[in-house]
Amino acid sequence: MHSAITQLAAFAFSTVMNTLSSPSYASIMEKWERKEIGNDEEVAMVSS
């Protein structure tokens, strides 16, 4: 039981690390950051 959890955690960790190191992930994060900035501007306009 415990070893299955450990294996799952190791698999999840390696998947995340592979995703983080891929160039497509970097471009997704760049788009997401732009989207976040856009949302912040919208919020600022609404609240003012």
Protein backbone atom coordinates (compact mmCIF):
# COMPACT_ATOMS: atom_id res chain seq x y z
CA MET A 1 0.00 0.00 0.00
CA HIS A 2 2.66 2.48 1.07
CA SER A 3 4.88 1.58 -1.90
CA ALA A 4 1.99 2.25 -4.29
CA ILE A 5 1.59 5.75 -2.86
CA THR A 6 5.34 6.31 -3.14
CA GLN A 7 5.33 5.13 -6.76
CA LEU A 8 2.37 7.37 -7.56
CA ALA A 9 4.10 10.36 -5.96
CA ALA A 10 7.30 9.64 -7.90
CA PHE A 11 5.34 9.32 -11.15
CA ALA A 12 3.47 12.58 -10.49
CA PHE A 13 6.73 14.35 -9.62
CA SER A 14 8.50 13.16 -12.79
CA THR A 15 5.48 14.16 -14.90
CA VAL A 16 5.45 17.63 -13.36
CA MET A 17 9.21 18.03 -13.87
CA ASN A 18 8.92 16.93 -17.52
CA THR A 19 6.08 19.40 -18.03
CA LEU A 20 7.99 22.23 -16.36
CA SER A 21 11.05 21.61 -18.54
CA SER A 22 9.11 21.48 -21.83
CA PRO A 23 9.13 24.60 -24.06
CA SER A 24 5.36 24.38 -24.59
CA TYR A 25 4.85 24.74 -20.84
CA ALA A 26 6.90 27.95 -20.86
CA SER A 27 4.73 29.41 -23.64
CA ILE A 28 1.55 28.35 -21.80
CA MET A 29 2.78 30.10 -18.65
CA GLU A 30 3.62 33.21 -20.68
CA LYS A 31 0.09 33.29 -22.12
CA TRP A 32 -1.37 32.61 -18.66
CA GLU A 33 0.65 35.48 -17.15
CA ARG A 34 -0.62 37.81 -19.90
CA LYS A 35 -4.15 36.62 -19.17
CA GLU A 36 -3.63 37.23 -15.45
CA ILE A 37 -2.38 40.77 -16.17
CA GLY A 38 -5.43 41.34 -18.39
CA ASN A 39 -7.72 40.14 -15.61
CA ASP A 40 -6.02 42.47 -13.11
CA GLU A 41 -6.59 45.42 -15.46
CA GLU A 42 -10.27 44.49 -15.82
CA VAL A 43 -10.64 44.23 -12.04
CA ALA A 44 -8.94 47.62 -11.59
CA MET A 45 -11.32 49.21 -14.13
CA VAL A 46 -14.38 47.67 -12.47
CA SER A 47 -13.36 48.65 -8.93
CA SER A 48 -12.41 52.26 -9.79
